[in-house]
Amino acid sequence: MTGSGLRERLARYRAGIRERVRKLKWDVLALFLARRDPRVPFKAKIAIVLAVGYFFSPIDLIPDFIPVIGQLDELVIVSALVAFAIRSIPPHVLDEYRARAKVQFGTRTPKTYAIAIILATVWVLVSLGFILFLIRLF
């Protein structure tokens, strides 16, 4: 395989991952809207909070600027949480919130500055706690 053929396959693969992440974003937004609905089970609400928090977190396990792998962590972790939440929610409720997300957010996504600041603070505190734990351990 030539270098250009490999680059084309990699570009198609990256485009496919980006498309899956875009679809996942709409499901995350729908679940975000559904999180307070009493028809949504508690276990799904926990998965929703974790998925939304990780998806909109400015800090990832693998940074997004690393080609292909940077998007895979979000795709794997968030999609597993989203899949669990989707299986737990009645289909008619989920369809209602998917439609509501398209209407409410249209082509834009919500501003997440406050969420980003809160999540960054939590990541820093957890990191500092872990570092202090390691210092005391040794």
Protein backbone atom coordinates (compact mmCIF):
# COMPACT_ATOMS: atom_id res chain seq x y z
CA MET A 1 0.00 0.00 0.00
CA THR A 2 1.32 3.39 -0.94
CA GLY A 3 1.65 6.29 1.45
CA SER A 4 -1.16 8.22 -0.22
CA GLY A 5 -3.51 5.19 -0.04
CA LEU A 6 -2.82 4.85 3.66
CA ARG A 7 -3.44 8.57 4.16
CA GLU A 8 -6.77 8.30 2.34
CA ARG A 9 -7.86 5.34 4.48
CA LEU A 10 -6.81 7.18 7.62
CA ALA A 11 -8.71 10.29 6.50
CA ARG A 12 -11.87 8.22 5.86
CA TYR A 13 -11.45 6.52 9.22
CA ARG A 14 -11.08 9.88 10.99
CA ALA A 15 -14.13 11.24 9.14
CA GLY A 16 -16.13 8.20 10.27
CA ILE A 17 -15.08 8.73 13.87
CA ARG A 18 -15.99 12.42 13.68
CA GLU A 19 -19.44 11.51 12.31
CA ARG A 20 -20.03 9.03 15.12
CA VAL A 21 -18.96 11.63 17.67
CA ARG A 22 -21.37 14.15 16.07
CA LYS A 23 -24.27 11.67 16.34
CA LEU A 24 -23.20 10.86 19.86
CA LYS A 25 -23.32 14.57 20.71
CA TRP A 26 -27.01 14.73 19.76
CA ASP A 27 -27.77 11.70 21.91
CA VAL A 28 -25.85 13.28 24.80
CA LEU A 29 -27.86 16.50 24.40
CA ALA A 30 -31.13 14.53 24.32
CA LEU A 31 -30.11 12.63 27.45
CA PHE A 32 -29.06 15.89 29.10
CA LEU A 33 -32.58 17.23 28.55
CA ALA A 34 -34.13 13.95 29.76
CA ARG A 35 -32.11 13.75 32.99
CA ARG A 36 -34.81 15.37 35.13
CA ASP A 37 -37.76 13.53 33.66
CA PRO A 38 -39.43 11.28 36.26
CA ARG A 39 -39.94 8.61 33.57
CA VAL A 40 -36.14 8.16 33.36
CA PRO A 41 -34.79 5.52 35.79
CA PHE A 42 -32.25 6.56 38.43
CA LYS A 43 -29.47 4.34 37.03
CA ALA A 44 -29.89 6.03 33.63
CA LYS A 45 -29.67 9.45 35.29
CA ILE A 46 -26.31 8.54 36.83
CA ALA A 47 -25.00 7.33 33.45
CA ILE A 48 -26.30 10.53 31.83
CA VAL A 49 -24.49 12.78 34.33
CA LEU A 50 -21.23 10.85 33.85
CA ALA A 51 -21.53 10.86 30.04
CA VAL A 52 -22.40 14.56 29.78
CA GLY A 53 -19.66 15.47 32.26
CA TYR A 54 -16.99 13.54 30.39
CA PHE A 55 -18.17 14.62 26.93
CA PHE A 56 -18.07 18.33 27.77
CA SER A 57 -15.01 18.08 30.00
CA PRO A 58 -12.09 20.15 28.74
CA ILE A 59 -9.76 17.44 30.06
CA ASP A 60 -9.73 14.04 28.39
CA LEU A 61 -7.84 10.86 29.17
CA ILE A 62 -6.30 11.16 25.69
CA PRO A 63 -6.09 14.74 24.31
CA ASP A 64 -8.18 15.40 21.18
CA PHE A 65 -5.25 16.85 19.22
CA ILE A 66 -3.73 13.36 18.92
CA PRO A 67 -5.05 12.07 15.57
CA VAL A 68 -7.65 9.29 15.68
CA ILE A 69 -6.88 8.09 19.21
CA GLY A 70 -7.82 11.49 20.70
CA GLN A 71 -11.43 11.08 19.59
CA LEU A 72 -11.59 7.37 20.40
CA ASP A 73 -11.58 7.85 24.17
CA GLU A 74 -14.71 9.99 24.00
CA LEU A 75 -16.28 7.64 21.52
CA VAL A 76 -15.67 4.57 23.67
CA ILE A 77 -16.31 5.93 27.17
CA VAL A 78 -19.21 8.24 26.40
CA SER A 79 -20.86 5.83 23.97
CA ALA A 80 -20.78 3.05 26.57
CA LEU A 81 -22.46 5.32 29.13
CA VAL A 82 -24.92 6.63 26.55
CA ALA A 83 -25.76 3.11 25.35
CA PHE A 84 -26.47 2.07 28.92
CA ALA A 85 -28.70 5.10 29.49
CA ILE A 86 -30.50 4.63 26.16
CA ARG A 87 -31.25 0.97 26.97
CA SER A 88 -32.61 2.03 30.37
CA ILE A 89 -34.98 4.74 29.07
CA PRO A 90 -38.35 3.86 27.50
CA PRO A 91 -38.10 4.37 23.69
CA HIS A 92 -41.00 6.84 23.47
CA VAL A 93 -39.39 9.06 26.12
CA LEU A 94 -36.04 8.96 24.32
CA ASP A 95 -37.63 9.84 20.96
CA GLU A 96 -39.38 12.79 22.59
CA TYR A 97 -36.09 14.17 23.94
CA ARG A 98 -34.17 13.58 20.72
CA ALA A 99 -36.73 15.73 18.89
CA ARG A 100 -36.63 18.32 21.66
CA ALA A 101 -32.80 18.51 21.45
CA LYS A 102 -32.96 19.20 17.70
CA VAL A 103 -35.49 21.98 18.26
CA GLN A 104 -33.81 23.51 21.31
CA PHE A 105 -30.22 23.43 20.11
CA GLY A 106 -30.66 23.52 16.32
CA THR A 107 -27.23 23.70 14.73
CA ARG A 108 -25.54 25.09 17.81
CA THR A 109 -24.58 23.42 21.04
CA PRO A 110 -25.00 25.04 24.46
CA LYS A 111 -22.24 27.21 25.89
CA THR A 112 -20.34 25.07 28.30
CA TYR A 113 -17.96 27.53 29.92
CA ALA A 114 -19.41 27.04 33.41
CA ILE A 115 -19.38 23.27 33.00
CA ALA A 116 -15.80 23.40 31.72
CA ILE A 117 -14.66 25.49 34.69
CA ILE A 118 -16.37 23.20 37.19
CA LEU A 119 -15.01 20.05 35.58
CA ALA A 120 -11.50 21.48 35.27
CA THR A 121 -11.59 22.40 38.96
CA VAL A 122 -12.70 18.88 39.88
CA TRP A 123 -9.92 17.35 37.73
CA VAL A 124 -7.31 19.60 39.36
CA LEU A 125 -8.54 18.78 42.89
CA VAL A 126 -8.57 15.05 42.18
CA SER A 127 -5.08 15.27 40.67
CA LEU A 128 -3.77 17.22 43.66
CA GLY A 129 -5.36 14.71 46.02
CA PHE A 130 -3.72 11.85 44.15
CA ILE A 131 -0.34 13.59 44.20
CA LEU A 132 -0.64 14.24 47.95
CA PHE A 133 -1.59 10.59 48.46
CA LEU A 134 1.53 9.49 46.55
CA ILE A 135 3.74 11.89 48.52
CA ARG A 136 2.45 10.53 51.83
CA LEU A 137 2.77 6.96 50.58
CA PHE A 138 6.47 7.38 49.79
